[in-house]
Protein backbone atom coordinates (compact mmCIF):
# COMPACT_ATOMS: atom_id res chain seq x y z
CA MET A 1 136.05 114.46 114.77
CA ILE A 2 132.58 113.34 113.59
CA THR A 3 130.77 110.83 115.76
CA LEU A 4 127.98 108.62 114.37
CA GLU A 5 125.19 107.30 116.53
CA VAL A 6 121.77 105.76 116.17
CA PHE A 7 119.13 108.00 117.70
CA ASP A 8 116.73 106.09 119.92
CA GLY A 9 114.04 108.74 120.18
CA LEU A 10 115.42 110.57 123.21
CA GLN A 11 117.17 113.07 120.95
CA LYS A 12 114.05 113.62 118.81
CA GLU A 13 113.75 117.32 119.63
CA LEU A 14 117.34 118.00 118.58
CA LEU A 15 116.77 116.19 115.26
CA GLN A 16 113.49 118.05 114.62
CA GLN A 17 115.27 121.37 115.11
CA PHE A 18 118.03 120.35 112.70
CA GLU A 19 115.46 119.27 110.08
CA ALA A 20 113.45 122.50 110.45
CA GLU A 21 116.60 124.52 109.73
CA GLN A 22 118.15 122.40 106.98
CA TRP A 23 115.26 120.98 104.91
CA PRO A 24 114.17 124.36 103.49
CA LEU A 25 117.74 124.99 102.32
CA ALA A 26 117.94 121.57 100.66
CA ASP A 27 114.50 122.03 99.06
CA GLU A 28 115.47 125.38 97.57
CA GLU A 29 118.72 123.88 96.25
CA HIS A 30 116.83 121.06 94.53
CA TYR A 31 113.63 122.81 93.42
CA GLY A 32 114.56 126.49 93.32
CA ARG A 33 112.21 129.04 94.80
CA ASP A 34 109.20 127.11 93.46
CA VAL A 35 109.31 124.39 96.11
CA PRO A 36 106.42 121.91 95.75
CA ALA A 37 103.89 121.61 98.52
CA PHE A 38 105.13 118.44 100.17
CA ARG A 39 102.15 116.45 101.34
CA LYS A 40 102.40 112.90 102.55
CA GLU A 41 99.39 110.77 103.28
CA ILE A 42 98.20 107.20 103.21
CA CYS A 43 94.84 106.40 101.64
CA THR A 44 93.09 103.06 102.08
CA ILE A 45 90.23 102.02 99.81
CA VAL A 46 88.14 99.09 101.03
CA ALA A 47 85.82 96.95 98.90
CA THR A 48 82.91 95.39 100.80
CA GLU A 49 80.00 93.19 99.86
CA ASP A 50 77.16 92.31 102.19
CA GLY A 51 79.07 93.79 105.12
CA ARG A 52 82.27 91.82 104.61
CA ILE A 53 85.59 93.01 103.26
CA VAL A 54 86.43 91.48 99.89
CA GLY A 55 89.55 93.52 99.16
CA PHE A 56 91.51 96.67 99.82
CA ALA A 57 94.05 98.97 98.23
CA GLU A 58 96.50 101.23 100.00
CA ILE A 59 98.44 104.07 98.43
CA PHE A 60 101.11 106.30 99.87
CA ILE A 61 101.10 109.81 98.40
CA ASP A 62 104.24 111.94 98.46
CA THR A 63 104.74 115.14 96.48
CA GLY A 64 102.66 114.31 93.43
CA VAL A 65 103.47 110.60 93.22
CA ALA A 66 101.35 107.79 94.65
CA HIS A 67 102.95 104.46 95.46
CA VAL A 68 100.58 101.50 95.37
CA GLU A 69 101.53 99.77 98.60
CA ASN A 70 98.94 96.98 98.45
CA ILE A 71 96.05 95.65 96.48
CA ILE A 72 94.68 92.50 98.03
CA VAL A 73 91.51 90.73 96.95
CA HIS A 74 89.91 87.84 98.85
CA ALA A 75 90.87 84.58 97.10
CA GLU A 76 87.20 83.68 96.51
CA GLU A 77 86.48 87.06 94.89
CA ARG A 78 89.23 87.05 92.26
CA GLY A 79 88.05 87.34 88.68
CA ARG A 80 85.16 89.66 89.60
CA ARG A 81 87.09 92.88 88.77
CA VAL A 82 87.43 93.81 92.44
CA GLY A 83 91.14 94.52 91.94
CA ALA A 84 90.49 96.61 88.84
CA SER A 85 87.84 98.60 90.71
CA LEU A 86 90.18 99.16 93.65
CA LEU A 87 92.99 100.32 91.35
CA ALA A 88 90.65 102.69 89.48
CA LYS A 89 89.41 104.18 92.76
CA ALA A 90 93.01 104.50 94.02
CA GLU A 91 93.97 106.37 90.84
CA GLU A 92 90.88 108.59 91.09
CA THR A 93 91.62 109.32 94.74
CA ALA A 94 95.26 110.08 94.00
CA LYS A 95 94.40 112.37 91.10
CA SER A 96 91.94 114.31 93.27
CA ARG A 97 94.86 114.96 95.64
CA GLY A 98 97.13 116.39 92.95
CA VAL A 99 99.01 113.22 92.01
CA HIS A 100 100.41 113.07 88.47
CA LYS A 101 102.09 109.64 88.62
CA MET A 102 101.30 106.24 90.12
CA LYS A 103 104.03 103.69 90.80
CA VAL A 104 104.18 100.12 92.06
CA GLU A 105 106.78 97.47 92.77
CA THR A 106 105.72 93.91 92.06
CA GLY A 107 107.29 90.53 91.48
CA ALA A 108 108.80 90.20 88.02
CA GLU A 109 107.02 86.87 87.46
CA TRP A 110 103.86 87.49 89.49
CA ARG A 111 100.36 87.68 87.96
CA ALA A 112 100.17 91.19 89.40
CA ARG A 113 102.67 92.36 86.78
CA ALA A 114 100.26 91.46 83.95
CA PHE A 115 97.41 93.07 85.92
CA TYR A 116 99.25 96.39 86.11
CA GLU A 117 100.36 96.20 82.49
CA LYS A 118 96.72 95.65 81.48
CA HIS A 119 95.86 98.86 83.34
CA GLY A 120 98.51 100.98 81.60
CA TYR A 121 101.52 100.61 83.88
CA ALA A 122 104.92 100.22 82.21
CA VAL A 123 108.11 98.67 83.57
CA ARG A 124 110.67 101.37 84.33
CA ALA A 125 113.28 99.28 86.10
CA GLU A 126 114.15 95.70 86.89
CA LEU A 127 114.98 95.18 90.54
CA ARG A 128 117.12 92.07 90.69
CA ASN A 129 117.47 90.15 93.95
CA TYR A 130 115.14 92.57 95.73
CA TYR A 131 112.55 91.81 98.41
CA GLY A 132 113.05 88.31 99.81
CA ASN A 133 115.90 87.79 97.31
CA ARG A 134 113.44 87.73 94.42
CA ASP A 135 113.33 89.74 91.20
CA PHE A 136 110.87 92.64 91.12
CA VAL A 137 109.96 95.37 88.65
CA LEU A 138 109.22 99.03 89.22
CA MET A 139 106.24 100.12 87.15
CA ASP A 140 104.54 103.48 86.73
CA LYS A 141 101.76 105.31 84.95
CA GLU A 142 100.94 108.95 84.33
CA ILE A 143 97.43 109.81 85.52
């Protein structure tokens, strides 16, 4: 009989051992013998002016794809291309780390959608009733 339980961290060593044994088998099944070099990292790009932060971008890189987690620009700095500069630097940073695709989820009706479209991102999926019960879109771009 199989028992299901939520691990609370005390059984971490047992889970790590299971993963170490089973992930390589799953990777070979999915990717063949040419398993990609899995590399996960978070990169944060910060825009400053006169010693104060005016915006930041954060990307999460996983196996050749970078997910744009956040781009936030100070309300008083919008319209000065800070967001565009942050996105360009995020793409440049991602590419230098072997990324071939950028992706982002944003509100279907948000201004951010037009921002990403302007910078070459295309809608790949509509995500109905998603975060906070609102409609979102999944967008991506080859870099």
